[in-house]
Amino acid sequence: MPFILPDTFQKEELAESTKKVYKGKLNALAREGYDTVDKLITKQSDVVEAIKKITTAEDSELIRNTRRYFLSAIFWVADLPKKNAYHVYWQKECLPMKVAGTENKWVKKSKFKD
């Protein structure tokens, strides 16, 4: 069963390719039983566990990136308060973002040194 998309989104101006990726992530959650925005809002802890199950326990930049896509898709469709389980999960398990192919973490431009 596919995810039931809402009539309105939190951000309307997205590239079609981004929407396609987000819909794929939402459909993956729908296969786990979270097929509506209401379920994403009311069962946040369970959805986080489903994302962990789908993406495996591996801790690599590729897996963290995949988790960020799931969360971005949720943020796209669900009107959530500033503090929510998804934000906590993003901060704790989807970061740090590392520069591809290295062990270096991303830094702000003001802190970057040659």
PDB file of N, CA and C in Angstrom:
ATOM      1  N   MET A   1       0.840  -1.169   0.000  1.00  0.00           N
ATOM      2  CA  MET A   1       0.000   0.000   0.000  1.00  0.00           C
ATOM      3  C   MET A   1       0.895   1.246   0.000  1.00  0.00           C
ATOM      4  N   PRO A   2       0.670   2.176  -0.911  1.00  0.00           N
ATOM      5  CA  PRO A   2       1.512   3.383  -0.953  1.00  0.00           C
ATOM      6  C   PRO A   2       1.136   4.373   0.141  1.00  0.00           C
ATOM      7  N   PHE A   3       2.067   5.259   0.428  1.00  0.00           N
ATOM      8  CA  PHE A   3       1.842   6.315   1.408  1.00  0.00           C
ATOM      9  C   PHE A   3       0.778   7.268   0.868  1.00  0.00           C
ATOM     10  N   ILE A   4      -0.124   7.694   1.735  1.00  0.00           N
ATOM     11  CA  ILE A   4      -1.185   8.619   1.348  1.00  0.00           C
ATOM     12  C   ILE A   4      -0.668  10.035   1.549  1.00  0.00           C
ATOM     13  N   LEU A   5      -0.387  10.718   0.450  1.00  0.00           N
ATOM     14  CA  LEU A   5       0.170  12.070   0.515  1.00  0.00           C
ATOM     15  C   LEU A   5      -0.891  13.080   0.935  1.00  0.00           C
ATOM     16  N   PRO A   6      -0.486  14.098   1.689  1.00  0.00           N
ATOM     17  CA  PRO A   6      -1.441  15.135   2.108  1.00  0.00           C
ATOM     18  C   PRO A   6      -1.753  16.081   0.947  1.00  0.00           C
ATOM     19  N   ASP A   7      -2.763  16.921   1.154  1.00  0.00           N
ATOM     20  CA  ASP A   7      -3.115  17.915   0.139  1.00  0.00           C
ATOM     21  C   ASP A   7      -2.126  19.072   0.119  1.00  0.00           C
ATOM     22  N   THR A   8      -1.548  19.391   1.272  1.00  0.00           N
ATOM     23  CA  THR A   8      -0.572  20.473   1.362  1.00  0.00           C
ATOM     24  C   THR A   8       0.727  19.941   1.947  1.00  0.00           C
ATOM     25  N   PHE A   9       1.820  20.578   1.570  1.00  0.00           N
ATOM     26  CA  PHE A   9       3.137  20.158   2.014  1.00  0.00           C
ATOM     27  C   PHE A   9       3.809  21.296   2.766  1.00  0.00           C
ATOM     28  N   GLN A  10       4.833  20.972   3.544  1.00  0.00           N
ATOM     29  CA  GLN A  10       5.549  21.980   4.311  1.00  0.00           C
ATOM     30  C   GLN A  10       6.433  22.834   3.410  1.00  0.00           C
ATOM     31  N   LYS A  11       6.842  22.274   2.296  1.00  0.00           N
ATOM     32  CA  LYS A  11       7.637  23.020   1.325  1.00  0.00           C
ATOM     33  C   LYS A  11       7.141  22.614  -0.054  1.00  0.00           C
ATOM     34  N   GLU A  12       6.587  23.555  -0.780  1.00  0.00           N
ATOM     35  CA  GLU A  12       5.992  23.256  -2.077  1.00  0.00           C
ATOM     36  C   GLU A  12       7.018  23.210  -3.205  1.00  0.00           C
ATOM     37  N   GLU A  13       8.022  24.042  -3.132  1.00  0.00           N
ATOM     38  CA  GLU A  13       8.958  24.170  -4.242  1.00  0.00           C
ATOM     39  C   GLU A  13      10.115  23.184  -4.110  1.00  0.00           C
ATOM     40  N   LEU A  14       9.891  21.982  -4.605  1.00  0.00           N
ATOM     41  CA  LEU A  14      10.931  20.956  -4.640  1.00  0.00           C
ATOM     42  C   LEU A  14      11.063  20.458  -6.066  1.00  0.00           C
ATOM     43  N   ALA A  15      12.244  20.057  -6.413  1.00  0.00           N
ATOM     44  CA  ALA A  15      12.458  19.478  -7.739  1.00  0.00           C
ATOM     45  C   ALA A  15      11.684  18.171  -7.831  1.00  0.00           C
ATOM     46  N   GLU A  16      11.221  17.838  -9.011  1.00  0.00           N
ATOM     47  CA  GLU A  16      10.476  16.591  -9.203  1.00  0.00           C
ATOM     48  C   GLU A  16      11.315  15.389  -8.796  1.00  0.00           C
ATOM     49  N   SER A  17      12.617  15.456  -9.044  1.00  0.00           N
ATOM     50  CA  SER A  17      13.485  14.329  -8.664  1.00  0.00           C
ATOM     51  C   SER A  17      13.531  14.157  -7.145  1.00  0.00           C
ATOM     52  N   THR A  18      13.529  15.263  -6.409  1.00  0.00           N
ATOM     53  CA  THR A  18      13.525  15.199  -4.946  1.00  0.00           C
ATOM     54  C   THR A  18      12.202  14.627  -4.449  1.00  0.00           C
ATOM     55  N   LYS A  19      11.099  15.067  -5.053  1.00  0.00           N
ATOM     56  CA  LYS A  19       9.786  14.542  -4.674  1.00  0.00           C
ATOM     57  C   LYS A  19       9.728  13.034  -4.896  1.00  0.00           C
ATOM     58  N   LYS A  20      10.311  12.580  -5.988  1.00  0.00           N
ATOM     59  CA  LYS A  20      10.306  11.151  -6.298  1.00  0.00           C
ATOM     60  C   LYS A  20      11.071  10.359  -5.233  1.00  0.00           C
ATOM     61  N   VAL A  21      12.221  10.873  -4.816  1.00  0.00           N
ATOM     62  CA  VAL A  21      13.004  10.219  -3.767  1.00  0.00           C
ATOM     63  C   VAL A  21      12.220  10.204  -2.459  1.00  0.00           C
ATOM     64  N   TYR A  22      11.638  11.335  -2.085  1.00  0.00           N
ATOM     65  CA  TYR A  22      10.872  11.426  -0.844  1.00  0.00           C
ATOM     66  C   TYR A  22       9.684  10.460  -0.868  1.00  0.00           C
ATOM     67  N   LYS A  23       8.976  10.392  -1.997  1.00  0.00           N
ATOM     68  CA  LYS A  23       7.841   9.468  -2.106  1.00  0.00           C
ATOM     69  C   LYS A  23       8.306   8.033  -1.936  1.00  0.00           C
ATOM     70  N   GLY A  24       9.466   7.696  -2.474  1.00  0.00           N
ATOM     71  CA  GLY A  24      10.013   6.351  -2.308  1.00  0.00           C
ATOM     72  C   GLY A  24      10.287   6.037  -0.848  1.00  0.00           C
ATOM     73  N   LYS A  25      10.840   6.990  -0.115  1.00  0.00           N
ATOM     74  CA  LYS A  25      11.111   6.791   1.315  1.00  0.00           C
ATOM     75  C   LYS A  25       9.802   6.670   2.100  1.00  0.00           C
ATOM     76  N   LEU A  26       8.819   7.489   1.756  1.00  0.00           N
ATOM     77  CA  LEU A  26       7.521   7.414   2.441  1.00  0.00           C
ATOM     78  C   LEU A  26       6.820   6.094   2.131  1.00  0.00           C
ATOM     79  N   ASN A  27       6.951   5.602   0.913  1.00  0.00           N
ATOM     80  CA  ASN A  27       6.364   4.309   0.563  1.00  0.00           C
ATOM     81  C   ASN A  27       7.044   3.176   1.322  1.00  0.00           C
ATOM     82  N   ALA A  28       8.351   3.301   1.565  1.00  0.00           N
ATOM     83  CA  ALA A  28       9.057   2.295   2.368  1.00  0.00           C
ATOM     84  C   ALA A  28       8.494   2.285   3.796  1.00  0.00           C
ATOM     85  N   LEU A  29       8.201   3.460   4.333  1.00  0.00           N
ATOM     86  CA  LEU A  29       7.586   3.531   5.665  1.00  0.00           C
ATOM     87  C   LEU A  29       6.161   2.986   5.633  1.00  0.00           C
ATOM     88  N   ALA A  30       5.449   3.210   4.530  1.00  0.00           N
ATOM     89  CA  ALA A  30       4.087   2.681   4.405  1.00  0.00           C
ATOM     90  C   ALA A  30       4.098   1.160   4.441  1.00  0.00           C
ATOM     91  N   ARG A  31       5.114   0.547   3.853  1.00  0.00           N
ATOM     92  CA  ARG A  31       5.223  -0.916   3.898  1.00  0.00           C
ATOM     93  C   ARG A  31       5.425  -1.419   5.329  1.00  0.00           C
ATOM     94  N   GLU A  32       5.925  -0.555   6.201  1.00  0.00           N
ATOM     95  CA  GLU A  32       6.103  -0.907   7.611  1.00  0.00           C
ATOM     96  C   GLU A  32       4.861  -0.574   8.441  1.00  0.00           C
ATOM     97  N   GLY A  33       3.819  -0.032   7.779  1.00  0.00           N
ATOM     98  CA  GLY A  33       2.566   0.263   8.478  1.00  0.00           C
ATOM     99  C   GLY A  33       2.321   1.728   8.766  1.00  0.00           C
ATOM    100  N   TYR A  34       3.214   2.594   8.342  1.00  0.00           N
ATOM    101  CA  TYR A  34       3.074   4.040   8.598  1.00  0.00           C
ATOM    102  C   TYR A  34       2.740   4.728   7.283  1.00  0.00           C
ATOM    103  N   ASP A  35       1.451   4.643   6.895  1.00  0.00           N
ATOM    104  CA  ASP A  35       1.049   5.062   5.561  1.00  0.00           C
ATOM    105  C   ASP A  35       0.299   6.393   5.502  1.00  0.00           C
ATOM    106  N   THR A  36       0.206   7.088   6.626  1.00  0.00           N
ATOM    107  CA  THR A  36      -0.457   8.396   6.636  1.00  0.00           C
ATOM    108  C   THR A  36       0.366   9.396   7.441  1.00  0.00           C
ATOM    109  N   VAL A  37       0.124  10.645   7.196  1.00  0.00           N
ATOM    110  CA  VAL A  37       0.802  11.712   7.945  1.00  0.00           C
ATOM    111  C   VAL A  37       0.439  11.616   9.421  1.00  0.00           C
ATOM    112  N   ASP A  38      -0.813  11.300   9.705  1.00  0.00           N
ATOM    113  CA  ASP A  38      -1.252  11.185  11.102  1.00  0.00           C
ATOM    114  C   ASP A  38      -0.432  10.130  11.845  1.00  0.00           C
ATOM    115  N   LYS A  39      -0.164   9.007  11.228  1.00  0.00           N
ATOM    116  CA  LYS A  39       0.645   7.968  11.874  1.00  0.00           C
ATOM    117  C   LYS A  39       2.083   8.441  12.074  1.00  0.00           C
ATOM    118  N   LEU A  40       2.607   9.210  11.129  1.00  0.00           N
ATOM    119  CA  LEU A  40       3.964   9.744  11.285  1.00  0.00           C
ATOM    120  C   LEU A  40       4.046  10.697  12.469  1.00  0.00           C
ATOM    121  N   ILE A  41       2.988  11.453  12.695  1.00  0.00           N
ATOM    122  CA  ILE A  41       2.973  12.423  13.787  1.00  0.00           C
ATOM    123  C   ILE A  41       2.742  11.741  15.136  1.00  0.00           C
ATOM    124  N   THR A  42       1.822  10.800  15.197  1.00  0.00           N
ATOM    125  CA  THR A  42       1.449  10.207  16.483  1.00  0.00           C
ATOM    126  C   THR A  42       2.358   9.061  16.924  1.00  0.00           C
ATOM    127  N   LYS A  43       3.071   8.450  16.003  1.00  0.00           N
ATOM    128  CA  LYS A  43       3.914   7.296  16.345  1.00  0.00           C
ATOM    129  C   LYS A  43       5.384   7.559  16.018  1.00  0.00           C
ATOM    130  N   GLN A  44       5.871   8.704  16.424  1.00  0.00           N
ATOM    131  CA  GLN A  44       7.222   9.122  16.056  1.00  0.00           C
ATOM    132  C   GLN A  44       8.296   8.137  16.502  1.00  0.00           C
ATOM    133  N   SER A  45       8.235   7.673  17.721  1.00  0.00           N
ATOM    134  CA  SER A  45       9.257   6.735  18.221  1.00  0.00           C
ATOM    135  C   SER A  45       9.237   5.431  17.433  1.00  0.00           C
ATOM    136  N   ASP A  46       8.049   4.945  17.110  1.00  0.00           N
ATOM    137  CA  ASP A  46       7.930   3.713  16.327  1.00  0.00           C
ATOM    138  C   ASP A  46       8.469   3.908  14.913  1.00  0.00           C
ATOM    139  N   VAL A  47       8.215   5.075  14.337  1.00  0.00           N
ATOM    140  CA  VAL A  47       8.703   5.358  12.982  1.00  0.00           C
ATOM    141  C   VAL A  47      10.225   5.433  12.983  1.00  0.00           C
ATOM    142  N   VAL A  48      10.803   6.042  14.000  1.00  0.00           N
ATOM    143  CA  VAL A  48      12.263   6.098  14.111  1.00  0.00           C
ATOM    144  C   VAL A  48      12.827   4.676  14.164  1.00  0.00           C
ATOM    145  N   GLU A  49      12.189   3.806  14.931  1.00  0.00           N
ATOM    146  CA  GLU A  49      12.640   2.408  14.997  1.00  0.00           C
ATOM    147  C   GLU A  49      12.510   1.730  13.636  1.00  0.00           C
ATOM    148  N   ALA A  50      11.454   2.037  12.893  1.00  0.00           N
ATOM    149  CA  ALA A  50      11.279   1.473  11.554  1.00  0.00           C
ATOM    150  C   ALA A  50      12.388   1.955  10.614  1.00  0.00           C
ATOM    151  N   ILE A  51      12.765   3.222  10.727  1.00  0.00           N
ATOM    152  CA  ILE A  51      13.857   3.751   9.901  1.00  0.00           C
ATOM    153  C   ILE A  51      15.149   3.027  10.244  1.00  0.00           C
ATOM    154  N   LYS A  52      15.398   2.814  11.522  1.00  0.00           N
ATOM    155  CA  LYS A  52      16.602   2.083  11.939  1.00  0.00           C
ATOM    156  C   LYS A  52      16.593   0.672  11.357  1.00  0.00           C
ATOM    157  N   LYS A  53      15.434   0.024  11.391  1.00  0.00           N
ATOM    158  CA  LYS A  53      15.315  -1.335  10.861  1.00  0.00           C
ATOM    159  C   LYS A  53      15.570  -1.356   9.348  1.00  0.00           C
ATOM    160  N   ILE A  54      14.997  -0.410   8.636  1.00  0.00           N
ATOM    161  CA  ILE A  54      15.147  -0.359   7.180  1.00  0.00           C
ATOM    162  C   ILE A  54      16.594  -0.079   6.787  1.00  0.00           C
ATOM    163  N   THR A  55      17.257   0.809   7.530  1.00  0.00           N
ATOM    164  CA  THR A  55      18.610   1.238   7.143  1.00  0.00           C
ATOM    165  C   THR A  55      19.709   0.419   7.786  1.00  0.00           C
ATOM    166  N   THR A  56      19.393  -0.554   8.584  1.00  0.00           N
ATOM    167  CA  THR A  56      20.345  -1.418   9.287  1.00  0.00           C
ATOM    168  C   THR A  56      21.097  -0.662  10.377  1.00  0.00           C
ATOM    169  N   ALA A  57      21.848  -1.385  11.159  1.00  0.00           N
ATOM    170  CA  ALA A  57      22.569  -0.798  12.289  1.00  0.00           C
ATOM    171  C   ALA A  57      23.930  -0.231  11.900  1.00  0.00           C
ATOM    172  N   GLU A  58      24.311  -0.413  10.659  1.00  0.00           N
ATOM    173  CA  GLU A  58      25.621   0.075  10.213  1.00  0.00           C
ATOM    174  C   GLU A  58      25.724   1.582  10.407  1.00  0.00           C
ATOM    175  N   ASP A  59      26.903   2.032  10.774  1.00  0.00           N
ATOM    176  CA  ASP A  59      27.126   3.469  10.939  1.00  0.00           C
ATOM    177  C   ASP A  59      28.149   3.928   9.917  1.00  0.00           C
ATOM    178  N   SER A  60      27.654   4.387   8.803  1.00  0.00           N
ATOM    179  CA  SER A  60      28.525   4.926   7.762  1.00  0.00           C
ATOM    180  C   SER A  60      27.861   6.185   7.214  1.00  0.00           C
ATOM    181  N   GLU A  61      28.592   6.958   6.474  1.00  0.00           N
ATOM    182  CA  GLU A  61      28.018   8.182   5.906  1.00  0.00           C
ATOM    183  C   GLU A  61      26.879   7.846   4.946  1.00  0.00           C
ATOM    184  N   LEU A  62      26.998   6.761   4.207  1.00  0.00           N
ATOM    185  CA  LEU A  62      25.928   6.356   3.290  1.00  0.00           C
ATOM    186  C   LEU A  62      24.634   6.057   4.056  1.00  0.00           C
ATOM    187  N   ILE A  63      24.740   5.340   5.148  1.00  0.00           N
ATOM    188  CA  ILE A  63      23.561   5.010   5.951  1.00  0.00           C
ATOM    189  C   ILE A  63      22.995   6.265   6.608  1.00  0.00           C
ATOM    190  N   ARG A  64      23.868   7.122   7.158  1.00  0.00           N
ATOM    191  CA  ARG A  64      23.381   8.375   7.765  1.00  0.00           C
ATOM    192  C   ARG A  64      22.676   9.231   6.712  1.00  0.00           C
ATOM    193  N   ASN A  65      23.197   9.260   5.501  1.00  0.00           N
ATOM    194  CA  ASN A  65      22.574  10.020   4.417  1.00  0.00           C
ATOM    195  C   ASN A  65      21.197   9.453   4.092  1.00  0.00           C
ATOM    196  N   THR A  66      21.077   8.143   4.051  1.00  0.00           N
ATOM    197  CA  THR A  66      19.786   7.510   3.790  1.00  0.00           C
ATOM    198  C   THR A  66      18.785   7.864   4.891  1.00  0.00           C
ATOM    199  N   ARG A  67      19.243   7.842   6.130  1.00  0.00           N
ATOM    200  CA  ARG A  67      18.367   8.220   7.250  1.00  0.00           C
ATOM    201  C   ARG A  67      17.914   9.665   7.117  1.00  0.00           C
ATOM    202  N   ARG A  68      18.825  10.541   6.707  1.00  0.00           N
ATOM    203  CA  ARG A  68      18.463  11.960   6.529  1.00  0.00           C
ATOM    204  C   ARG A  68      17.396  12.102   5.444  1.00  0.00           C
ATOM    205  N   TYR A  69      17.466  11.286   4.383  1.00  0.00           N
ATOM    206  CA  TYR A  69      16.427  11.320   3.343  1.00  0.00           C
ATOM    207  C   TYR A  69      15.070  10.925   3.912  1.00  0.00           C
ATOM    208  N   PHE A  70      15.038   9.872   4.735  1.00  0.00           N
ATOM    209  CA  PHE A  70      13.773   9.481   5.369  1.00  0.00           C
ATOM    210  C   PHE A  70      13.218  10.637   6.190  1.00  0.00           C
ATOM    211  N   LEU A  71      14.063  11.241   7.009  1.00  0.00           N
ATOM    212  CA  LEU A  71      13.610  12.329   7.871  1.00  0.00           C
ATOM    213  C   LEU A  71      13.191  13.553   7.061  1.00  0.00           C
ATOM    214  N   SER A  72      13.921  13.876   6.015  1.00  0.00           N
ATOM    215  CA  SER A  72      13.548  15.009   5.158  1.00  0.00           C
ATOM    216  C   SER A  72      12.193  14.773   4.511  1.00  0.00           C
ATOM    217  N   ALA A  73      11.931  13.532   4.113  1.00  0.00           N
ATOM    218  CA  ALA A  73      10.626  13.201   3.535  1.00  0.00           C
ATOM    219  C   ALA A  73       9.517  13.409   4.566  1.00  0.00           C
ATOM    220  N   ILE A  74       9.785  13.009   5.805  1.00  0.00           N
ATOM    221  CA  ILE A  74       8.791  13.209   6.872  1.00  0.00           C
ATOM    222  C   ILE A  74       8.570  14.699   7.115  1.00  0.00           C
ATOM    223  N   PHE A  75       9.655  15.470   7.172  1.00  0.00           N
ATOM    224  CA  PHE A  75       9.530  16.918   7.382  1.00  0.00           C
ATOM    225  C   PHE A  75       8.785  17.576   6.220  1.00  0.00           C
ATOM    226  N   TRP A  76       8.862  16.997   5.035  1.00  0.00           N
ATOM    227  CA  TRP A  76       8.186  17.530   3.852  1.00  0.00           C
ATOM    228  C   TRP A  76       6.671  17.411   3.991  1.00  0.00           C
ATOM    229  N   VAL A  77       6.185  16.296   4.549  1.00  0.00           N
ATOM    230  CA  VAL A  77       4.743  16.064   4.580  1.00  0.00           C
ATOM    231  C   VAL A  77       4.083  16.391   5.922  1.00  0.00           C
ATOM    232  N   ALA A  78       4.826  16.357   7.018  1.00  0.00           N
ATOM    233  CA  ALA A  78       4.214  16.493   8.344  1.00  0.00           C
ATOM    234  C   ALA A  78       4.515  17.845   8.980  1.00  0.00           C
ATOM    235  N   ASP A  79       3.474  18.467   9.493  1.00  0.00           N
ATOM    236  CA  ASP A  79       3.614  19.727  10.224  1.00  0.00           C
ATOM    237  C   ASP A  79       3.904  19.364  11.680  1.00  0.00           C
ATOM    238  N   LEU A  80       5.177  19.442  12.036  1.00  0.00           N
ATOM    239  CA  LEU A  80       5.623  19.004  13.365  1.00  0.00           C
ATOM    240  C   LEU A  80       6.061  20.190  14.219  1.00  0.00           C
ATOM    241  N   PRO A  81       5.937  20.058  15.545  1.00  0.00           N
ATOM    242  CA  PRO A  81       6.481  21.111  16.418  1.00  0.00           C
ATOM    243  C   PRO A  81       8.004  21.120  16.318  1.00  0.00           C
ATOM    244  N   LYS A  82       8.611  22.199  16.757  1.00  0.00           N
ATOM    245  CA  LYS A  82      10.060  22.344  16.668  1.00  0.00           C
ATOM    246  C   LYS A  82      10.784  21.184  17.357  1.00  0.00           C
ATOM    247  N   LYS A  83      10.321  20.793  18.526  1.00  0.00           N
ATOM    248  CA  LYS A  83      10.928  19.668  19.239  1.00  0.00           C
ATOM    249  C   LYS A  83      10.098  18.426  18.958  1.00  0.00           C
ATOM    250  N   ASN A  84      10.750  17.435  18.354  1.00  0.00           N
ATOM    251  CA  ASN A  84      10.065  16.183  18.049  1.00  0.00           C
ATOM    252  C   ASN A  84      11.098  15.063  17.993  1.00  0.00           C
ATOM    253  N   ALA A  85      10.617  13.836  18.002  1.00  0.00           N
ATOM    254  CA  ALA A  85      11.513  12.673  18.033  1.00  0.00           C
ATOM    255  C   ALA A  85      12.391  12.599  16.785  1.00  0.00           C
ATOM    256  N   TYR A  86      11.891  13.081  15.659  1.00  0.00           N
ATOM    257  CA  TYR A  86      12.676  13.026  14.424  1.00  0.00           C
ATOM    258  C   TYR A  86      13.878  13.962  14.495  1.00  0.00           C
ATOM    259  N   HIS A  87      13.660  15.130  15.059  1.00  0.00           N
ATOM    260  CA  HIS A  87      14.761  16.089  15.192  1.00  0.00           C
ATOM    261  C   HIS A  87      15.842  15.531  16.118  1.00  0.00           C
ATOM    262  N   VAL A  88      15.432  14.928  17.212  1.00  0.00           N
ATOM    263  CA  VAL A  88      16.383  14.323  18.148  1.00  0.00           C
ATOM    264  C   VAL A  88      17.169  13.213  17.454  1.00  0.00           C
ATOM    265  N   TYR A  89      16.471  12.376  16.697  1.00  0.00           N
ATOM    266  CA  TYR A  89      17.129  11.280  15.968  1.00  0.00           C
ATOM    267  C   TYR A  89      18.131  11.841  14.951  1.00  0.00           C
ATOM    268  N   TRP A  90      17.738  12.905  14.248  1.00  0.00           N
ATOM    269  CA  TRP A  90      18.635  13.542  13.271  1.00  0.00           C
ATOM    270  C   TRP A  90      19.917  13.985  13.967  1.00  0.00           C
ATOM    271  N   GLN A  91      19.776  14.658  15.098  1.00  0.00           N
ATOM    272  CA  GLN A  91      20.926  15.188  15.820  1.00  0.00           C
ATOM    273  C   GLN A  91      21.826  14.094  16.384  1.00  0.00           C
ATOM    274  N   LYS A  92      21.222  13.020  16.890  1.00  0.00           N
ATOM    275  CA  LYS A  92      22.005  11.974  17.557  1.00  0.00           C
ATOM    276  C   LYS A  92      22.590  10.937  16.613  1.00  0.00           C
ATOM    277  N   GLU A  93      21.842  10.548  15.566  1.00  0.00           N
ATOM    278  CA  GLU A  93      22.272   9.405  14.774  1.00  0.00           C
ATOM    279  C   GLU A  93      22.504   9.678  13.306  1.00  0.00           C
ATOM    280  N   CYS A  94      22.146  10.834  12.822  1.00  0.00           N
ATOM    281  CA  CYS A  94      22.324  11.122  11.400  1.00  0.00           C
ATOM    282  C   CYS A  94      23.468  12.088  11.158  1.00  0.00           C
ATOM    283  N   LEU A  95      24.089  12.530  12.223  1.00  0.00           N
ATOM    284  CA  LEU A  95      25.249  13.397  12.132  1.00  0.00           C
ATOM    285  C   LEU A  95      26.404  12.658  12.777  1.00  0.00           C
ATOM    286  N   PRO A  96      27.621  12.950  12.624  1.00  0.00           N
ATOM    287  CA  PRO A  96      28.128  14.081  11.856  1.00  0.00           C
ATOM    288  C   PRO A  96      28.162  13.764  10.366  1.00  0.00           C
ATOM    289  N   MET A  97      28.033  14.813   9.593  1.00  0.00           N
ATOM    290  CA  MET A  97      28.197  14.652   8.156  1.00  0.00           C
ATOM    291  C   MET A  97      29.677  14.788   7.848  1.00  0.00           C
ATOM    292  N   LYS A  98      30.201  13.834   7.126  1.00  0.00           N
ATOM    293  CA  LYS A  98      31.620  13.865   6.788  1.00  0.00           C
ATOM    294  C   LYS A  98      31.797  14.152   5.305  1.00  0.00           C
ATOM    295  N   VAL A  99      32.926  14.735   4.975  1.00  0.00           N
ATOM    296  CA  VAL A  99      33.264  14.985   3.581  1.00  0.00           C
ATOM    297  C   VAL A  99      33.442  13.630   2.911  1.00  0.00           C
ATOM    298  N   ALA A 100      32.780  13.443   1.780  1.00  0.00           N
ATOM    299  CA  ALA A 100      32.807  12.151   1.095  1.00  0.00           C
ATOM    300  C   ALA A 100      34.234  11.669   0.858  1.00  0.00           C
ATOM    301  N   GLY A 101      34.469  10.406   1.176  1.00  0.00           N
ATOM    302  CA  GLY A 101      35.763   9.782   0.935  1.00  0.00           C
ATOM    303  C   GLY A 101      36.822  10.103   1.973  1.00  0.00           C
ATOM    304  N   THR A 102      36.443  10.820   3.029  1.00  0.00           N
ATOM    305  CA  THR A 102      37.412  11.176   4.066  1.00  0.00           C
ATOM    306  C   THR A 102      36.793  10.947   5.437  1.00  0.00           C
ATOM    307  N   GLU A 103      37.575  11.133   6.447  1.00  0.00           N
ATOM    308  CA  GLU A 103      37.070  11.098   7.818  1.00  0.00           C
ATOM    309  C   GLU A 103      36.882  12.512   8.366  1.00  0.00           C
ATOM    310  N   ASN A 104      37.029  13.525   7.507  1.00  0.00           N
ATOM    311  CA  ASN A 104      36.897  14.920   7.922  1.00  0.00           C
ATOM    312  C   ASN A 104      35.437  15.320   8.036  1.00  0.00           C
ATOM    313  N   LYS A 105      35.090  15.997   9.129  1.00  0.00           N
ATOM    314  CA  LYS A 105      33.742  16.517   9.290  1.00  0.00           C
ATOM    315  C   LYS A 105      33.622  17.835   8.529  1.00  0.00           C
ATOM    316  N   TRP A 106      32.390  18.128   8.101  1.00  0.00           N
ATOM    317  CA  TRP A 106      32.134  19.407   7.462  1.00  0.00           C
ATOM    318  C   TRP A 106      32.355  20.526   8.472  1.00  0.00           C
ATOM    319  N   VAL A 107      32.920  21.645   8.015  1.00  0.00           N
ATOM    320  CA  VAL A 107      33.117  22.803   8.876  1.00  0.00           C
ATOM    321  C   VAL A 107      32.502  24.026   8.203  1.00  0.00           C
ATOM    322  N   LYS A 108      32.196  25.017   9.013  1.00  0.00           N
ATOM    323  CA  LYS A 108      31.677  26.257   8.475  1.00  0.00           C
ATOM    324  C   LYS A 108      32.762  26.964   7.684  1.00  0.00           C
ATOM    325  N   LYS A 109      32.336  27.742   6.713  1.00  0.00           N
ATOM    326  CA  LYS A 109      33.273  28.453   5.863  1.00  0.00           C
ATOM    327  C   LYS A 109      34.226  29.314   6.685  1.00  0.00           C
ATOM    328  N   SER A 110      33.725  29.936   7.739  1.00  0.00           N
ATOM    329  CA  SER A 110      34.546  30.816   8.563  1.00  0.00           C
ATOM    330  C   SER A 110      35.645  30.062   9.313  1.00  0.00           C
ATOM    331  N   LYS A 111      35.454  28.746   9.531  1.00  0.00           N
ATOM    332  CA  LYS A 111      36.437  27.946  10.245  1.00  0.00           C
ATOM    333  C   LYS A 111      37.325  27.144   9.310  1.00  0.00           C
ATOM    334  N   PHE A 112      37.039  27.196   8.008  1.00  0.00           N
ATOM    335  CA  PHE A 112      37.814  26.398   7.057  1.00  0.00           C
ATOM    336  C   PHE A 112      39.199  27.014   6.852  1.00  0.00           C
ATOM    337  N   LYS A 113      40.210  26.165   6.908  1.00  0.00           N
ATOM    338  CA  LYS A 113      41.581  26.605   6.670  1.00  0.00           C
ATOM    339  C   LYS A 113      42.197  25.717   5.612  1.00  0.00           C
ATOM    340  N   ASP A 114      42.976  26.298   4.752  1.00  0.00           N
ATOM    341  CA  ASP A 114      43.613  25.518   3.668  1.00  0.00           C
ATOM    342  C   ASP A 114      44.632  24.541   4.216  1.00  0.00           C
TER     343      ASP A 114
END
